């Protein structure tokens, strides 16, 4: 993993994930310095990693809004954007229980 030029290098974590299955990513940032506070929680996003590929996933901002980004890293250290899609909301426990079939006989 390359870290040259990246901010907050000590906060970088590397994961091995299953290829070919949608991966949901989320992030939030909260910071405070003196009288100034900043908080941003962009919507969760999803993409499907490809076997043998490396990705950088990160939260980006322009000072007024924030979003999640992903970039595919090739064998030469070059990167290209990865299309992310809004993640579906996970069902709550009550909705999952309500959707299960209920046995009503012997």
Protein backbone atom coordinates (compact mmCIF):
# COMPACT_ATOMS: atom_id res chain seq x y z
CA UNK A 1 0.00 0.00 0.00
CA UNK A 2 1.35 3.42 -0.86
CA UNK A 3 1.15 6.20 1.72
CA UNK A 4 3.28 8.92 0.12
CA UNK A 5 1.47 12.26 0.21
CA UNK A 6 -1.46 10.93 2.23
CA UNK A 7 -2.74 12.75 5.31
CA UNK A 8 -3.41 10.82 8.51
CA UNK A 9 -1.16 7.91 7.49
CA UNK A 10 -1.39 6.48 11.02
CA UNK A 11 -5.15 6.02 10.55
CA UNK A 12 -4.84 3.90 7.39
CA UNK A 13 -6.01 0.30 7.71
CA UNK A 14 -5.62 -2.42 5.12
CA UNK A 15 -8.19 -5.20 4.70
CA UNK A 16 -8.50 -8.29 2.53
CA UNK A 17 -12.08 -8.59 1.27
CA UNK A 18 -13.93 -11.17 -0.80
CA UNK A 19 -13.94 -10.40 -4.53
CA UNK A 20 -17.07 -10.57 -6.63
CA UNK A 21 -19.44 -9.66 -3.78
CA UNK A 22 -20.75 -6.14 -3.11
CA UNK A 23 -18.84 -4.33 -0.37
CA UNK A 24 -20.49 -1.54 1.61
CA UNK A 25 -18.24 1.22 2.91
CA UNK A 26 -19.01 3.94 5.42
CA UNK A 27 -17.07 6.58 7.29
CA UNK A 28 -17.50 9.45 9.69
CA UNK A 29 -15.20 12.16 10.94
CA UNK A 30 -15.53 14.26 14.07
CA UNK A 31 -12.89 16.74 15.16
CA UNK A 32 -12.69 19.70 17.46
CA UNK A 33 -9.97 22.28 17.97
CA UNK A 34 -10.68 24.99 20.51
CA UNK A 35 -13.99 26.60 19.58
CA UNK A 36 -14.25 25.03 16.11
CA UNK A 37 -15.91 21.65 15.57
CA UNK A 38 -16.23 19.64 12.38
CA UNK A 39 -18.34 16.56 11.75
CA UNK A 40 -19.19 14.75 8.55
CA UNK A 41 -20.88 11.40 7.91
CA UNK A 42 -21.40 10.79 4.18
CA UNK A 43 -23.96 8.23 3.01
CA UNK A 44 -22.76 4.61 2.86
CA UNK A 45 -21.73 3.47 -0.61
CA UNK A 46 -21.11 0.12 -2.27
CA UNK A 47 -18.98 -1.40 -5.03
CA UNK A 48 -17.93 -4.90 -6.06
CA UNK A 49 -14.18 -5.55 -5.79
CA UNK A 50 -12.51 -7.52 -8.58
CA UNK A 51 -10.18 -10.42 -7.74
CA UNK A 52 -6.51 -9.46 -7.80
CA UNK A 53 -7.16 -5.70 -7.71
CA UNK A 54 -6.12 -3.23 -5.02
CA UNK A 55 -8.23 -0.25 -3.97
CA UNK A 56 -7.91 2.88 -1.87
CA UNK A 57 -11.18 3.86 -0.18
CA UNK A 58 -11.40 7.17 1.65
CA UNK A 59 -13.58 10.06 2.76
CA UNK A 60 -13.01 13.27 0.81
CA UNK A 61 -14.41 16.78 1.28
CA UNK A 62 -14.37 20.29 -0.10
CA UNK A 63 -14.89 21.99 3.27
CA UNK A 64 -18.68 22.24 2.89
CA UNK A 65 -19.64 18.65 2.15
CA UNK A 66 -18.02 15.23 2.26
CA UNK A 67 -18.32 12.01 0.29
CA UNK A 68 -16.74 8.58 -0.05
CA UNK A 69 -14.36 7.82 -2.90
CA UNK A 70 -12.65 4.67 -4.14
CA UNK A 71 -9.74 4.32 -6.54
CA UNK A 72 -8.34 1.17 -8.15
CA UNK A 73 -4.54 0.98 -7.86
CA UNK A 74 -2.67 -0.75 -10.69
CA UNK A 75 0.68 -2.54 -10.48
CA UNK A 76 2.53 0.68 -11.34
CA UNK A 77 0.98 2.70 -8.50
CA UNK A 78 -1.33 4.60 -10.84
CA UNK A 79 -4.96 4.94 -9.83
CA UNK A 80 -8.33 5.41 -11.45
CA UNK A 81 -11.75 6.22 -9.96
CA UNK A 82 -14.14 3.41 -9.09
CA UNK A 83 -17.88 3.97 -9.55
CA UNK A 84 -19.68 3.78 -6.21
CA UNK A 85 -23.43 3.31 -5.76
CA UNK A 86 -25.59 4.32 -2.80
CA UNK A 87 -25.81 1.42 -0.34
CA UNK A 88 -29.19 -0.06 0.52
CA UNK A 89 -30.34 0.44 4.07
CA UNK A 90 -30.03 -2.71 6.16
CA UNK A 91 -33.34 -3.98 7.50
CA UNK A 92 -33.88 -3.53 11.20
CA UNK A 93 -34.35 -6.62 13.39
CA UNK A 94 -38.15 -6.23 13.57
CA UNK A 95 -38.43 -6.12 9.77
CA UNK A 96 -36.25 -9.23 9.45
CA UNK A 97 -38.38 -11.13 11.98
CA UNK A 98 -41.60 -10.02 10.27
CA UNK A 99 -40.33 -11.29 6.90
CA UNK A 100 -39.57 -14.80 8.20
CA UNK A 101 -42.20 -17.44 7.49
CA UNK A 102 -44.10 -18.53 10.56
CA UNK A 103 -45.01 -22.20 10.99
CA UNK A 104 -48.72 -22.45 11.75
CA UNK A 105 -49.48 -26.15 11.78
CA UNK A 106 -48.31 -29.54 12.99
